[in-house]
Amino acid sequence: IRAGFGIKVLGYLGATGKSDTVAFIMNAPSKKHSRKDII
């Protein structure tokens, strides 16, 4: 996910982590792009 856009994806998904585990990693190093987000 383009760095900084992961929060938009989480918002769309409505993922709150209330029932299942959600991991959100921001600004991680990437080989394809300099930075990325991961959910």
All heavy atoms as atom14 arrays in JSON, in Angstrom:
{
  "sequence": "IRAGFGIKVLGYLGATGKSDTVAFIMNAPSKKHSRKDII",
  "atom14_mask": [
    [1, 1, 1, 1, 1, 1, 1, 1, 0, 0, 0, 0, 0, 0],
    [1, 1, 1, 1, 1, 1, 1, 1, 1, 1, 1, 0, 0, 0],
    [1, 1, 1, 1, 1, 0, 0, 0, 0, 0, 0, 0, 0, 0],
    [1, 1, 1, 1, 0, 0, 0, 0, 0, 0, 0, 0, 0, 0],
    [1, 1, 1, 1, 1, 1, 1, 1, 1, 1, 1, 0, 0, 0],
    [1, 1, 1, 1, 0, 0, 0, 0, 0, 0, 0, 0, 0, 0],
    [1, 1, 1, 1, 1, 1, 1, 1, 0, 0, 0, 0, 0, 0],
    [1, 1, 1, 1, 1, 1, 1, 1, 1, 0, 0, 0, 0, 0],
    [1, 1, 1, 1, 1, 1, 1, 0, 0, 0, 0, 0, 0, 0],
    [1, 1, 1, 1, 1, 1, 1, 1, 0, 0, 0, 0, 0, 0],
    [1, 1, 1, 1, 0, 0, 0, 0, 0, 0, 0, 0, 0, 0],
    [1, 1, 1, 1, 1, 1, 1, 1, 1, 1, 1, 1, 0, 0],
    [1, 1, 1, 1, 1, 1, 1, 1, 0, 0, 0, 0, 0, 0],
    [1, 1, 1, 1, 0, 0, 0, 0, 0, 0, 0, 0, 0, 0],
    [1, 1, 1, 1, 1, 0, 0, 0, 0, 0, 0, 0, 0, 0],
    [1, 1, 1, 1, 1, 1, 1, 0, 0, 0, 0, 0, 0, 0],
    [1, 1, 1, 1, 0, 0, 0, 0, 0, 0, 0, 0, 0, 0],
    [1, 1, 1, 1, 1, 1, 1, 1, 1, 0, 0, 0, 0, 0],
    [1, 1, 1, 1, 1, 1, 0, 0, 0, 0, 0, 0, 0, 0],
    [1, 1, 1, 1, 1, 1, 1, 1, 0, 0, 0, 0, 0, 0],
    [1, 1, 1, 1, 1, 1, 1, 0, 0, 0, 0, 0, 0, 0],
    [1, 1, 1, 1, 1, 1, 1, 0, 0, 0, 0, 0, 0, 0],
    [1, 1, 1, 1, 1, 0, 0, 0, 0, 0, 0, 0, 0, 0],
    [1, 1, 1, 1, 1, 1, 1, 1, 1, 1, 1, 0, 0, 0],
    [1, 1, 1, 1, 1, 1, 1, 1, 0, 0, 0, 0, 0, 0],
    [1, 1, 1, 1, 1, 1, 1, 1, 0, 0, 0, 0, 0, 0],
    [1, 1, 1, 1, 1, 1, 1, 1, 0, 0, 0, 0, 0, 0],
    [1, 1, 1, 1, 1, 0, 0, 0, 0, 0, 0, 0, 0, 0],
    [1, 1, 1, 1, 1, 1, 1, 0, 0, 0, 0, 0, 0, 0],
    [1, 1, 1, 1, 1, 1, 0, 0, 0, 0, 0, 0, 0, 0],
    [1, 1, 1, 1, 1, 1, 1, 1, 1, 0, 0, 0, 0, 0],
    [1, 1, 1, 1, 1, 1, 1, 1, 1, 0, 0, 0, 0, 0],
    [1, 1, 1, 1, 1, 1, 1, 1, 1, 1, 0, 0, 0, 0],
    [1, 1, 1, 1, 1, 1, 0, 0, 0, 0, 0, 0, 0, 0],
    [1, 1, 1, 1, 1, 1, 1, 1, 1, 1, 1, 0, 0, 0],
    [1, 1, 1, 1, 1, 1, 1, 1, 1, 0, 0, 0, 0, 0],
    [1, 1, 1, 1, 1, 1, 1, 1, 0, 0, 0, 0, 0, 0],
    [1, 1, 1, 1, 1, 1, 1, 1, 0, 0, 0, 0, 0, 0],
    [1, 1, 1, 1, 1, 1, 1, 1, 0, 0, 0, 0, 0, 0]
  ],
  "atom14_positions": [
    [[0.87, -1.18, 0.0], [0.0, 0.0, 0.0], [0.91, 1.23, 0.0], [1.88, 1.28, 0.76], [-0.91, 0.03, 1.25], [-1.74, -1.25, 1.33], [-1.8, 1.26, 1.24], [-2.42, -1.45, 2.68], [0.0, 0.0, 0.0], [0.0, 0.0, 0.0], [0.0, 0.0, 0.0], [0.0, 0.0, 0.0], [0.0, 0.0, 0.0], [0.0, 0.0, 0.0]],
    [[0.59, 2.19, -0.83], [1.39, 3.42, -0.87], [1.47, 4.01, 0.54], [0.47, 4.1, 1.25], [0.72, 4.41, -1.82], [1.58, 5.59, -2.15], [0.98, 6.51, -3.18], [-0.22, 6.02, -3.82], [-1.05, 6.8, -4.51], [-0.8, 8.08, -4.64], [-2.12, 6.31, -5.07], [0.0, 0.0, 0.0], [0.0, 0.0, 0.0], [0.0, 0.0, 0.0]],
    [[2.69, 4.36, 0.95], [2.91, 4.88, 2.31], [1.94, 6.03, 2.61], [1.8, 6.95, 1.81], [4.35, 5.34, 2.47], [0.0, 0.0, 0.0], [0.0, 0.0, 0.0], [0.0, 0.0, 0.0], [0.0, 0.0, 0.0], [0.0, 0.0, 0.0], [0.0, 0.0, 0.0], [0.0, 0.0, 0.0], [0.0, 0.0, 0.0], [0.0, 0.0, 0.0]],
    [[1.27, 5.93, 3.73], [0.32, 6.95, 4.15], [-1.12, 6.65, 3.75], [-2.04, 7.29, 4.26], [0.0, 0.0, 0.0], [0.0, 0.0, 0.0], [0.0, 0.0, 0.0], [0.0, 0.0, 0.0], [0.0, 0.0, 0.0], [0.0, 0.0, 0.0], [0.0, 0.0, 0.0], [0.0, 0.0, 0.0], [0.0, 0.0, 0.0], [0.0, 0.0, 0.0]],
    [[-1.35, 5.68, 2.87], [-2.69, 5.38, 2.41], [-3.32, 4.21, 3.16], [-4.49, 3.91, 2.99], [-2.71, 5.1, 0.9], [-2.62, 6.36, 0.1], [-1.39, 6.98, -0.12], [-3.74, 6.94, -0.44], [-1.3, 8.15, -0.84], [-3.66, 8.11, -1.17], [-2.43, 8.71, -1.37], [0.0, 0.0, 0.0], [0.0, 0.0, 0.0], [0.0, 0.0, 0.0]],
    [[-2.56, 3.53, 4.0], [-3.08, 2.41, 4.77], [-4.23, 2.81, 5.67], [-5.18, 2.05, 5.86], [0.0, 0.0, 0.0], [0.0, 0.0, 0.0], [0.0, 0.0, 0.0], [0.0, 0.0, 0.0], [0.0, 0.0, 0.0], [0.0, 0.0, 0.0], [0.0, 0.0, 0.0], [0.0, 0.0, 0.0], [0.0, 0.0, 0.0], [0.0, 0.0, 0.0]],
    [[-4.17, 4.01, 6.2], [-5.24, 4.48, 7.08], [-6.55, 4.64, 6.31], [-7.62, 4.36, 6.84], [-4.83, 5.79, 7.81], [-5.72, 6.03, 9.0], [-4.81, 6.97, 6.9], [-5.4, 5.19, 10.19], [0.0, 0.0, 0.0], [0.0, 0.0, 0.0], [0.0, 0.0, 0.0], [0.0, 0.0, 0.0], [0.0, 0.0, 0.0], [0.0, 0.0, 0.0]],
    [[-6.47, 5.03, 5.02], [-7.68, 5.11, 4.19], [-8.26, 3.72, 3.95], [-9.46, 3.52, 3.97], [-7.37, 5.78, 2.85], [-7.17, 7.27, 2.94], [-7.1, 7.87, 1.56], [-7.0, 9.36, 1.62], [-8.25, 10.01, 1.95], [0.0, 0.0, 0.0], [0.0, 0.0, 0.0], [0.0, 0.0, 0.0], [0.0, 0.0, 0.0], [0.0, 0.0, 0.0]],
    [[-7.36, 2.75, 3.73], [-7.82, 1.37, 3.53], [-8.49, 0.86, 4.79], [-9.57, 0.28, 4.74], [-6.64, 0.46, 3.11], [-7.08, -1.0, 3.08], [-6.08, 0.88, 1.77], [0.0, 0.0, 0.0], [0.0, 0.0, 0.0], [0.0, 0.0, 0.0], [0.0, 0.0, 0.0], [0.0, 0.0, 0.0], [0.0, 0.0, 0.0], [0.0, 0.0, 0.0]],
    [[-7.88, 1.1, 5.95], [-8.49, 0.67, 7.22], [-9.85, 1.33, 7.42], [-10.8, 0.69, 7.86], [-7.59, 1.01, 8.4], [-6.48, 0.03, 8.71], [-5.62, 0.56, 9.85], [-7.02, -1.33, 9.06], [0.0, 0.0, 0.0], [0.0, 0.0, 0.0], [0.0, 0.0, 0.0], [0.0, 0.0, 0.0], [0.0, 0.0, 0.0], [0.0, 0.0, 0.0]],
    [[-9.94, 2.61, 7.08], [-11.22, 3.32, 7.21], [-12.29, 2.72, 6.33], [-13.43, 2.53, 6.75], [0.0, 0.0, 0.0], [0.0, 0.0, 0.0], [0.0, 0.0, 0.0], [0.0, 0.0, 0.0], [0.0, 0.0, 0.0], [0.0, 0.0, 0.0], [0.0, 0.0, 0.0], [0.0, 0.0, 0.0], [0.0, 0.0, 0.0], [0.0, 0.0, 0.0]],
    [[-11.93, 2.39, 5.1], [-12.89, 1.78, 4.19], [-13.34, 0.41, 4.73], [-14.51, 0.08, 4.69], [-12.31, 1.62, 2.79], [-13.09, 0.64, 1.98], [-14.38, 0.95, 1.52], [-12.61, -0.64, 1.74], [-15.13, 0.03, 0.83], [-13.37, -1.56, 1.04], [-14.61, -1.23, 0.59], [-15.36, -2.15, -0.07], [0.0, 0.0, 0.0], [0.0, 0.0, 0.0]],
    [[-12.37, -0.37, 5.21], [-12.68, -1.71, 5.69], [-13.47, -1.7, 6.99], [-14.14, -2.66, 7.32], [-11.39, -2.51, 5.89], [-10.56, -2.79, 4.65], [-9.26, -3.46, 5.04], [-11.33, -3.63, 3.66], [0.0, 0.0, 0.0], [0.0, 0.0, 0.0], [0.0, 0.0, 0.0], [0.0, 0.0, 0.0], [0.0, 0.0, 0.0], [0.0, 0.0, 0.0]],
    [[-13.38, -0.6, 7.73], [-14.04, -0.53, 9.03], [-13.4, -1.47, 10.03], [-14.05, -1.93, 10.97], [0.0, 0.0, 0.0], [0.0, 0.0, 0.0], [0.0, 0.0, 0.0], [0.0, 0.0, 0.0], [0.0, 0.0, 0.0], [0.0, 0.0, 0.0], [0.0, 0.0, 0.0], [0.0, 0.0, 0.0], [0.0, 0.0, 0.0], [0.0, 0.0, 0.0]],
    [[-12.13, -1.78, 9.84], [-11.42, -2.71, 10.73], [-11.11, -2.02, 12.05], [-10.37, -1.05, 12.09], [-10.14, -3.2, 10.07], [0.0, 0.0, 0.0], [0.0, 0.0, 0.0], [0.0, 0.0, 0.0], [0.0, 0.0, 0.0], [0.0, 0.0, 0.0], [0.0, 0.0, 0.0], [0.0, 0.0, 0.0], [0.0, 0.0, 0.0], [0.0, 0.0, 0.0]],
    [[-11.7, -2.52, 13.11], [-11.51, -1.92, 14.42], [-10.66, -2.78, 15.34], [-10.16, -2.3, 16.34], [-12.86, -1.67, 15.1], [-13.51, -2.95, 15.28], [-13.74, -0.75, 14.28], [0.0, 0.0, 0.0], [0.0, 0.0, 0.0], [0.0, 0.0, 0.0], [0.0, 0.0, 0.0], [0.0, 0.0, 0.0], [0.0, 0.0, 0.0], [0.0, 0.0, 0.0]],
    [[-10.54, -4.06, 15.03], [-9.79, -4.97, 15.9], [-10.61, -5.43, 17.09], [-10.08, -6.07, 18.0], [0.0, 0.0, 0.0], [0.0, 0.0, 0.0], [0.0, 0.0, 0.0], [0.0, 0.0, 0.0], [0.0, 0.0, 0.0], [0.0, 0.0, 0.0], [0.0, 0.0, 0.0], [0.0, 0.0, 0.0], [0.0, 0.0, 0.0], [0.0, 0.0, 0.0]],
    [[-11.9, -5.1, 17.13], [-12.73, -5.49, 18.27], [-12.98, -6.99, 18.33], [-13.06, -7.57, 19.4], [-14.07, -4.75, 18.24], [-13.93, -3.28, 18.55], [-15.28, -2.6, 18.55], [-15.12, -1.13, 18.87], [-16.39, -0.43, 18.85], [0.0, 0.0, 0.0], [0.0, 0.0, 0.0], [0.0, 0.0, 0.0], [0.0, 0.0, 0.0], [0.0, 0.0, 0.0]],
    [[-13.1, -7.63, 17.15], [-13.4, -9.06, 17.16], [-12.21, -9.92, 16.72], [-12.02, -11.01, 17.23], [-14.61, -9.36, 16.28], [-14.37, -8.93, 14.96], [0.0, 0.0, 0.0], [0.0, 0.0, 0.0], [0.0, 0.0, 0.0], [0.0, 0.0, 0.0], [0.0, 0.0, 0.0], [0.0, 0.0, 0.0], [0.0, 0.0, 0.0], [0.0, 0.0, 0.0]],
    [[-11.42, -9.44, 15.78], [-10.27, -10.19, 15.3], [-9.03, -9.31, 15.31], [-9.11, -8.09, 15.36], [-10.53, -10.72, 13.88], [-11.61, -11.79, 13.86], [-11.51, -12.72, 14.66], [-12.54, -11.68, 13.05], [0.0, 0.0, 0.0], [0.0, 0.0, 0.0], [0.0, 0.0, 0.0], [0.0, 0.0, 0.0], [0.0, 0.0, 0.0], [0.0, 0.0, 0.0]],
    [[-7.88, -9.94, 15.21], [-6.62, -9.23, 15.26], [-6.39, -8.45, 13.97], [-6.58, -8.97, 12.87], [-5.46, -10.22, 15.46], [-5.71, -10.95, 16.65], [-4.14, -9.5, 15.57], [0.0, 0.0, 0.0], [0.0, 0.0, 0.0], [0.0, 0.0, 0.0], [0.0, 0.0, 0.0], [0.0, 0.0, 0.0], [0.0, 0.0, 0.0], [0.0, 0.0, 0.0]],
    [[-5.97, -7.19, 14.12], [-5.62, -6.33, 13.0], [-4.23, -5.77, 13.27], [-3.99, -5.23, 14.34], [-6.62, -5.16, 12.84], [-6.17, -4.21, 11.74], [-8.02, -5.67, 12.59], [0.0, 0.0, 0.0], [0.0, 0.0, 0.0], [0.0, 0.0, 0.0], [0.0, 0.0, 0.0], [0.0, 0.0, 0.0], [0.0, 0.0, 0.0], [0.0, 0.0, 0.0]],
    [[-3.32, -5.94, 12.32], [-1.99, -5.34, 12.42], [-1.87, -4.31, 11.31], [-2.17, -4.59, 10.15], [-0.91, -6.4, 12.28], [0.0, 0.0, 0.0], [0.0, 0.0, 0.0], [0.0, 0.0, 0.0], [0.0, 0.0, 0.0], [0.0, 0.0, 0.0], [0.0, 0.0, 0.0], [0.0, 0.0, 0.0], [0.0, 0.0, 0.0], [0.0, 0.0, 0.0]],
    [[-1.45, -3.11, 11.67], [-1.3, -2.02, 10.72], [0.12, -1.49, 10.84], [0.52, -0.98, 11.88], [-2.33, -0.93, 11.0], [-2.22, 0.28, 10.12], [-1.9, 0.17, 8.78], [-2.45, 1.54, 10.64], [-1.82, 1.29, 7.97], [-2.37, 2.67, 9.84], [-2.06, 2.54, 8.51], [0.0, 0.0, 0.0], [0.0, 0.0, 0.0], [0.0, 0.0, 0.0]],
    [[0.88, -1.64, 9.77], [2.27, -1.21, 9.77], [2.39, -0.03, 8.81], [2.01, -0.14, 7.63], [3.2, -2.36, 9.31], [2.98, -3.57, 10.22], [4.65, -1.92, 9.3], [3.37, -4.88, 9.6], [0.0, 0.0, 0.0], [0.0, 0.0, 0.0], [0.0, 0.0, 0.0], [0.0, 0.0, 0.0], [0.0, 0.0, 0.0], [0.0, 0.0, 0.0]],
    [[2.88, 1.07, 9.3], [3.02, 2.28, 8.49], [4.47, 2.55, 8.16], [5.36, 2.33, 8.98], [2.47, 3.5, 9.25], [0.98, 3.47, 9.48], [0.4, 4.92, 10.37], [0.66, 6.19, 9.16], [0.0, 0.0, 0.0], [0.0, 0.0, 0.0], [0.0, 0.0, 0.0], [0.0, 0.0, 0.0], [0.0, 0.0, 0.0], [0.0, 0.0, 0.0]],
    [[4.69, 3.03, 6.94], [5.98, 3.53, 6.52], [7.1, 2.49, 6.61], [8.24, 2.81, 6.97], [6.33, 4.79, 7.33], [7.12, 5.77, 6.51], [7.09, 5.76, 5.29], [7.83, 6.63, 7.19], [0.0, 0.0, 0.0], [0.0, 0.0, 0.0], [0.0, 0.0, 0.0], [0.0, 0.0, 0.0], [0.0, 0.0, 0.0], [0.0, 0.0, 0.0]],
    [[6.79, 1.25, 6.3], [7.79, 0.18, 6.34], [8.69, 0.27, 5.11], [8.26, 0.72, 4.05], [7.08, -1.18, 6.36], [0.0, 0.0, 0.0], [0.0, 0.0, 0.0], [0.0, 0.0, 0.0], [0.0, 0.0, 0.0], [0.0, 0.0, 0.0], [0.0, 0.0, 0.0], [0.0, 0.0, 0.0], [0.0, 0.0, 0.0], [0.0, 0.0, 0.0]],
    [[9.95, -0.15, 5.23], [10.82, -0.15, 4.05], [10.29, -1.09, 2.98], [9.69, -2.11, 3.27], [12.15, -0.66, 4.58], [12.04, -0.7, 6.06], [10.6, -0.63, 6.42], [0.0, 0.0, 0.0], [0.0, 0.0, 0.0], [0.0, 0.0, 0.0], [0.0, 0.0, 0.0], [0.0, 0.0, 0.0], [0.0, 0.0, 0.0], [0.0, 0.0, 0.0]],
    [[10.5, -0.72, 1.7], [10.01, -1.52, 0.59], [11.07, -1.6, -0.5], [11.75, -0.62, -0.78], [8.74, -0.88, 0.02], [8.35, -1.5, -1.18], [0.0, 0.0, 0.0], [0.0, 0.0, 0.0], [0.0, 0.0, 0.0], [0.0, 0.0, 0.0], [0.0, 0.0, 0.0], [0.0, 0.0, 0.0], [0.0, 0.0, 0.0], [0.0, 0.0, 0.0]],
    [[11.19, -2.76, -1.13], [12.12, -2.91, -2.25], [11.53, -2.32, -3.53], [12.24, -1.75, -4.34], [12.46, -4.39, -2.47], [13.28, -4.97, -1.34], [13.56, -6.44, -1.56], [14.29, -7.01, -0.35], [14.43, -8.45, -0.43], [0.0, 0.0, 0.0], [0.0, 0.0, 0.0], [0.0, 0.0, 0.0], [0.0, 0.0, 0.0], [0.0, 0.0, 0.0]],
    [[10.2, -2.46, -3.72], [9.53, -1.93, -4.91], [9.42, -0.41, -4.86], [9.64, 0.28, -5.84], [8.13, -2.52, -5.06], [8.1, -3.94, -5.54], [6.66, -4.36, -5.78], [6.58, -5.77, -6.34], [5.21, -6.15, -6.6], [0.0, 0.0, 0.0], [0.0, 0.0, 0.0], [0.0, 0.0, 0.0], [0.0, 0.0, 0.0], [0.0, 0.0, 0.0]],
    [[8.99, 0.09, -3.72], [8.82, 1.53, -3.49], [9.7, 1.84, -2.29], [10.08, 0.95, -1.53], [7.36, 1.87, -3.19], [6.4, 1.2, -4.13], [6.23, 1.59, -5.44], [5.55, 0.16, -3.96], [5.33, 0.82, -6.02], [4.89, -0.06, -5.14], [0.0, 0.0, 0.0], [0.0, 0.0, 0.0], [0.0, 0.0, 0.0], [0.0, 0.0, 0.0]],
    [[10.04, 3.05, -2.06], [10.91, 3.34, -0.93], [10.23, 3.02, 0.41], [10.86, 2.52, 1.33], [11.39, 4.78, -0.96], [10.3, 5.67, -0.89], [0.0, 0.0, 0.0], [0.0, 0.0, 0.0], [0.0, 0.0, 0.0], [0.0, 0.0, 0.0], [0.0, 0.0, 0.0], [0.0, 0.0, 0.0], [0.0, 0.0, 0.0], [0.0, 0.0, 0.0]],
    [[8.92, 3.29, 0.5], [8.16, 3.03, 1.73], [6.8, 2.46, 1.38], [6.28, 2.67, 0.28], [7.96, 4.32, 2.53], [9.23, 4.95, 3.02], [9.97, 4.02, 3.85], [10.65, 4.62, 4.97], [11.39, 3.9, 5.79], [11.48, 2.62, 5.64], [12.03, 4.45, 6.77], [0.0, 0.0, 0.0], [0.0, 0.0, 0.0], [0.0, 0.0, 0.0]],
    [[6.19, 1.74, 2.32], [4.86, 1.15, 2.1], [4.15, 0.98, 3.43], [4.76, 1.03, 4.49], [4.99, -0.21, 1.41], [5.65, -1.28, 2.28], [5.75, -2.6, 1.55], [6.45, -3.65, 2.4], [6.53, -4.94, 1.72], [0.0, 0.0, 0.0], [0.0, 0.0, 0.0], [0.0, 0.0, 0.0], [0.0, 0.0, 0.0], [0.0, 0.0, 0.0]],
    [[2.84, 0.77, 3.34], [2.01, 0.39, 4.49], [1.58, -1.06, 4.28], [1.46, -1.52, 3.14], [0.78, 1.28, 4.62], [1.1, 2.72, 5.03], [2.27, 3.0, 5.35], [0.17, 3.55, 5.03], [0.0, 0.0, 0.0], [0.0, 0.0, 0.0], [0.0, 0.0, 0.0], [0.0, 0.0, 0.0], [0.0, 0.0, 0.0], [0.0, 0.0, 0.0]],
    [[1.33, -1.76, 5.39], [0.89, -3.16, 5.33], [-0.25, -3.33, 6.33], [-0.18, -2.8, 7.44], [2.03, -4.13, 5.71], [3.26, -3.91, 4.83], [1.55, -5.58, 5.64], [4.5, -4.59, 5.35], [0.0, 0.0, 0.0], [0.0, 0.0, 0.0], [0.0, 0.0, 0.0], [0.0, 0.0, 0.0], [0.0, 0.0, 0.0], [0.0, 0.0, 0.0]],
    [[-1.27, -4.08, 5.94], [-2.38, -4.39, 6.85], [-2.55, -5.9, 6.89], [-2.61, -6.55, 5.85], [-3.69, -3.73, 6.38], [-3.55, -2.21, 6.36], [-4.86, -4.15, 7.26], [-4.71, -1.49, 5.72], [0.0, 0.0, 0.0], [0.0, 0.0, 0.0], [0.0, 0.0, 0.0], [0.0, 0.0, 0.0], [0.0, 0.0, 0.0], [0.0, 0.0, 0.0]]
  ]
}
